[in-house]
C-alpha atoms as a PDB file:
ATOM      1  CA  MET A   1      -0.365  -0.258   0.363  1.00  0.00           C
ATOM      2  CA  HIS A   2       1.623   3.334  -1.099  1.00  0.00           C
ATOM      3  CA  GLU A   3       1.030   5.852   1.436  1.00  0.00           C
ATOM      4  CA  THR A   4       0.986   9.961   0.146  1.00  0.00           C
ATOM      5  CA  THR A   5       2.905  12.284   2.839  1.00  0.00           C
ATOM      6  CA  ASP A   6       0.507  15.398   3.352  1.00  0.00           C
ATOM      7  CA  ILE A   7       1.930  18.899   2.814  1.00  0.00           C
ATOM      8  CA  PHE A   8       1.889  19.898   6.402  1.00  0.00           C
ATOM      9  CA  SER A   9       4.167  16.726   7.100  1.00  0.00           C
ATOM     10  CA  ALA A  10       6.016  17.598   4.401  1.00  0.00           C
ATOM     11  CA  ILE A  11       6.874  21.048   5.473  1.00  0.00           C
ATOM     12  CA  ALA A  12       7.513  20.432   9.127  1.00  0.00           C
ATOM     13  CA  ASP A  13      10.824  19.524   8.110  1.00  0.00           C
ATOM     14  CA  PRO A  14      13.348  22.795   7.897  1.00  0.00           C
ATOM     15  CA  THR A  15      15.653  21.265   5.284  1.00  0.00           C
ATOM     16  CA  ARG A  16      12.615  20.614   3.261  1.00  0.00           C
ATOM     17  CA  ARG A  17      11.418  24.359   3.789  1.00  0.00           C
ATOM     18  CA  SER A  18      14.573  25.208   2.739  1.00  0.00           C
ATOM     19  CA  ILE A  19      14.652  22.695  -0.761  1.00  0.00           C
ATOM     20  CA  LEU A  20      11.507  24.709  -1.565  1.00  0.00           C
ATOM     21  CA  GLU A  21      12.814  28.035  -0.912  1.00  0.00           C
ATOM     22  CA  VAL A  22      15.878  27.421  -3.171  1.00  0.00           C
ATOM     23  CA  LEU A  23      13.153  25.559  -5.881  1.00  0.00           C
ATOM     24  CA  ALA A  24      11.233  29.029  -6.021  1.00  0.00           C
ATOM     25  CA  SER A  25      14.191  31.071  -6.765  1.00  0.00           C
ATOM     26  CA  HIS A  26      14.770  29.075  -9.763  1.00  0.00           C
ATOM     27  CA  GLU A  27      13.064  27.915 -12.746  1.00  0.00           C
ATOM     28  CA  GLY A  28      14.219  24.001 -12.143  1.00  0.00           C
ATOM     29  CA  LEU A  29      17.278  22.369 -10.381  1.00  0.00           C
ATOM     30  CA  ALA A  30      18.804  19.269 -11.052  1.00  0.00           C
ATOM     31  CA  ALA A  31      18.784  16.720  -7.849  1.00  0.00           C
ATOM     32  CA  SER A  32      22.361  17.265  -8.110  1.00  0.00           C
ATOM     33  CA  ASP A  33      22.220  21.312  -7.930  1.00  0.00           C
ATOM     34  CA  ILE A  34      20.370  20.641  -4.985  1.00  0.00           C
ATOM     35  CA  TYR A  35      22.137  18.034  -3.284  1.00  0.00           C
ATOM     36  CA  ASP A  36      25.675  20.969  -3.718  1.00  0.00           C
ATOM     37  CA  ARG A  37      23.398  23.098  -1.472  1.00  0.00           C
ATOM     38  CA  TYR A  38      23.045  21.295   1.600  1.00  0.00           C
ATOM     39  CA  PRO A  39      26.017  19.974   4.038  1.00  0.00           C
ATOM     40  CA  VAL A  40      24.479  16.493   4.394  1.00  0.00           C
ATOM     41  CA  SER A  41      24.627  13.516   2.214  1.00  0.00           C
ATOM     42  CA  PRO A  42      23.024  13.080  -1.160  1.00  0.00           C
ATOM     43  CA  GLN A  43      20.878  10.352   0.177  1.00  0.00           C
ATOM     44  CA  ALA A  44      19.493  12.649   2.610  1.00  0.00           C
ATOM     45  CA  ILE A  45      18.281  15.322   0.177  1.00  0.00           C
ATOM     46  CA  SER A  46      17.275  12.552  -1.914  1.00  0.00           C
ATOM     47  CA  ARG A  47      14.962  11.311   0.802  1.00  0.00           C
ATOM     48  CA  HIS A  48      13.488  14.830   1.759  1.00  0.00           C
ATOM     49  CA  LEU A  49      13.050  15.370  -2.297  1.00  0.00           C
ATOM     50  CA  LYS A  50      10.955  12.347  -2.074  1.00  0.00           C
ATOM     51  CA  ILE A  51       8.824  13.377   0.543  1.00  0.00           C
ATOM     52  CA  LEU A  52       8.176  16.635  -0.803  1.00  0.00           C
ATOM     53  CA  ARG A  53       7.134  14.635  -4.337  1.00  0.00           C
ATOM     54  CA  GLU A  54       4.859  12.244  -2.480  1.00  0.00           C
ATOM     55  CA  ALA A  55       3.282  15.655  -0.830  1.00  0.00           C
ATOM     56  CA  GLN A  56       3.010  16.801  -4.319  1.00  0.00           C
ATOM     57  CA  LEU A  57       4.615  20.031  -3.386  1.00  0.00           C
ATOM     58  CA  VAL A  58       7.633  19.403  -6.132  1.00  0.00           C
ATOM     59  CA  ILE A  59       7.134  17.924  -9.548  1.00  0.00           C
ATOM     60  CA  VAL A  60      10.541  15.669 -10.990  1.00  0.00           C
ATOM     61  CA  GLU A  61      11.153  15.727 -14.885  1.00  0.00           C
ATOM     62  CA  LYS A  62      13.720  13.325 -16.229  1.00  0.00           C
ATOM     63  CA  ARG A  63      15.953  14.856 -18.762  1.00  0.00           C
ATOM     64  CA  ALA A  64      18.628  12.442 -19.828  1.00  0.00           C
ATOM     65  CA  GLN A  65      20.386  11.236 -17.164  1.00  0.00           C
ATOM     66  CA  GLN A  66      19.036  13.944 -14.887  1.00  0.00           C
ATOM     67  CA  ARG A  67      16.136  14.759 -12.554  1.00  0.00           C
ATOM     68  CA  ILE A  68      14.899  18.504 -12.324  1.00  0.00           C
ATOM     69  CA  TYR A  69      12.715  19.366  -9.876  1.00  0.00           C
ATOM     70  CA  ARG A  70      10.426  22.485  -9.869  1.00  0.00           C
ATOM     71  CA  ILE A  71       7.786  23.734  -7.233  1.00  0.00           C
ATOM     72  CA  ASN A  72       4.343  22.167  -7.902  1.00  0.00           C
ATOM     73  CA  PRO A  73       2.364  25.754  -8.139  1.00  0.00           C
ATOM     74  CA  SER A  74      -0.769  24.353  -7.587  1.00  0.00           C
ATOM     75  CA  ALA A  75       0.247  22.360  -4.384  1.00  0.00           C
ATOM     76  CA  ILE A  76       1.431  25.696  -3.043  1.00  0.00           C
ATOM     77  CA  ALA A  77      -1.921  27.315  -4.102  1.00  0.00           C
ATOM     78  CA  GLU A  78      -3.638  24.905  -1.959  1.00  0.00           C
ATOM     79  CA  LEU A  79      -1.628  25.791   1.035  1.00  0.00           C
ATOM     80  CA  GLU A  80      -1.818  29.558   0.311  1.00  0.00           C
ATOM     81  CA  ASN A  81      -5.568  29.039   0.130  1.00  0.00           C
ATOM     82  CA  TRP A  82      -5.934  27.033   3.650  1.00  0.00           C
ATOM     83  CA  SER A  83      -3.733  29.522   5.181  1.00  0.00           C
ATOM     84  CA  ALA A  84      -5.777  32.444   4.186  1.00  0.00           C
ATOM     85  CA  GLU A  85      -9.001  30.649   5.350  1.00  0.00           C
ATOM     86  CA  LEU A  86      -7.521  30.107   8.600  1.00  0.00           C
ATOM     87  CA  ARG A  87      -5.930  33.715   8.988  1.00  0.00           C
ATOM     88  CA  LYS A  88      -9.882  35.050   7.818  1.00  0.00           C
ATOM     89  CA  ARG A  89     -11.576  32.865  10.689  1.00  0.00           C
ATOM     90  CA  TRP A  90      -8.993  34.226  13.298  1.00  0.00           C
ATOM     91  CA  ASN A  91      -9.222  38.100  12.156  1.00  0.00           C
ATOM     92  CA  ARG A  92     -13.467  37.461  12.610  1.00  0.00           C
ATOM     93  CA  ARG A  93     -12.928  35.963  16.145  1.00  0.00           C
ATOM     94  CA  LEU A  94     -10.524  38.706  17.039  1.00  0.00           C
ATOM     95  CA  ASP A  95     -12.737  41.481  15.546  1.00  0.00           C
ATOM     96  CA  ALA A  96     -15.298  40.013  17.600  1.00  0.00           C
ATOM     97  CA  LEU A  97     -13.567  39.965  20.837  1.00  0.00           C
ATOM     98  CA  GLU A  98     -12.173  43.344  20.118  1.00  0.00           C
ATOM     99  CA  GLN A  99     -15.980  44.462  19.662  1.00  0.00           C
ATOM    100  CA  VAL A 100     -16.709  42.829  23.325  1.00  0.00           C
ATOM    101  CA  LEU A 101     -13.587  44.627  24.640  1.00  0.00           C
ATOM    102  CA  GLU A 102     -14.581  48.176  23.291  1.00  0.00           C
ATOM    103  CA  GLU A 103     -18.226  47.520  24.451  1.00  0.00           C
ATOM    104  CA  GLU A 104     -17.156  46.683  27.920  1.00  0.00           C
ATOM    105  CA  TRP A 105     -14.589  49.370  27.944  1.00  0.00           C
ATOM    106  CA  ASN A 106     -17.472  51.898  27.111  1.00  0.00           C
ATOM    107  CA  LYS A 107     -19.809  50.779  29.951  1.00  0.00           C
ATOM    108  CA  THR A 108     -16.979  50.870  32.486  1.00  0.00           C
ATOM    109  CA  ARG A 109     -16.029  54.385  31.486  1.00  0.00           C
ATOM    110  CA  GLY A 110     -19.351  55.519  31.137  1.00  0.00           C
ATOM    111  CA  GLY A 111     -19.958  54.568  34.509  1.00  0.00           C
ATOM    112  CA  GLN A 112     -17.084  55.823  35.851  1.00  0.00           C
ATOM    113  CA  GLU A 113     -17.761  59.066  34.079  1.00  0.00           C
ATOM    114  CA  LYS A 114     -20.831  59.338  36.270  1.00  0.00           C
ATOM    115  CA  ASN A 115     -19.692  58.478  39.517  1.00  0.00           C
ATOM    116  CA  ASP A 116     -17.206  61.605  38.482  1.00  0.00           C
ATOM    117  CA  ALA A 117     -20.407  63.587  37.575  1.00  0.00           C
ATOM    118  CA  ASP A 118     -21.622  62.621  41.107  1.00  0.00           C
END
């Protein structure tokens, strides 16, 4: 049974996030060019690339003896959309809290002004 890695598990690792950042700065990179950027073994980077492929965050194209890696824009868009929706939900909650706090502040201030007038 083939199990796919979810996006969040894939980006949980700082090396994989770094690989994504590197790929985002290039049109495509050969696996060997990616390996050369990290102080760990090519096998370790290869495992990271496999996880990124399984999570569909990167696309690999075989050219002769090389594997060229690119960011998968649709997966990144999916991640961005999820993040934007979460941000909207939190902003609505924070706006509601702000309104309640403002109402309470006004009540307290109004009562204080009445006491000051007496």
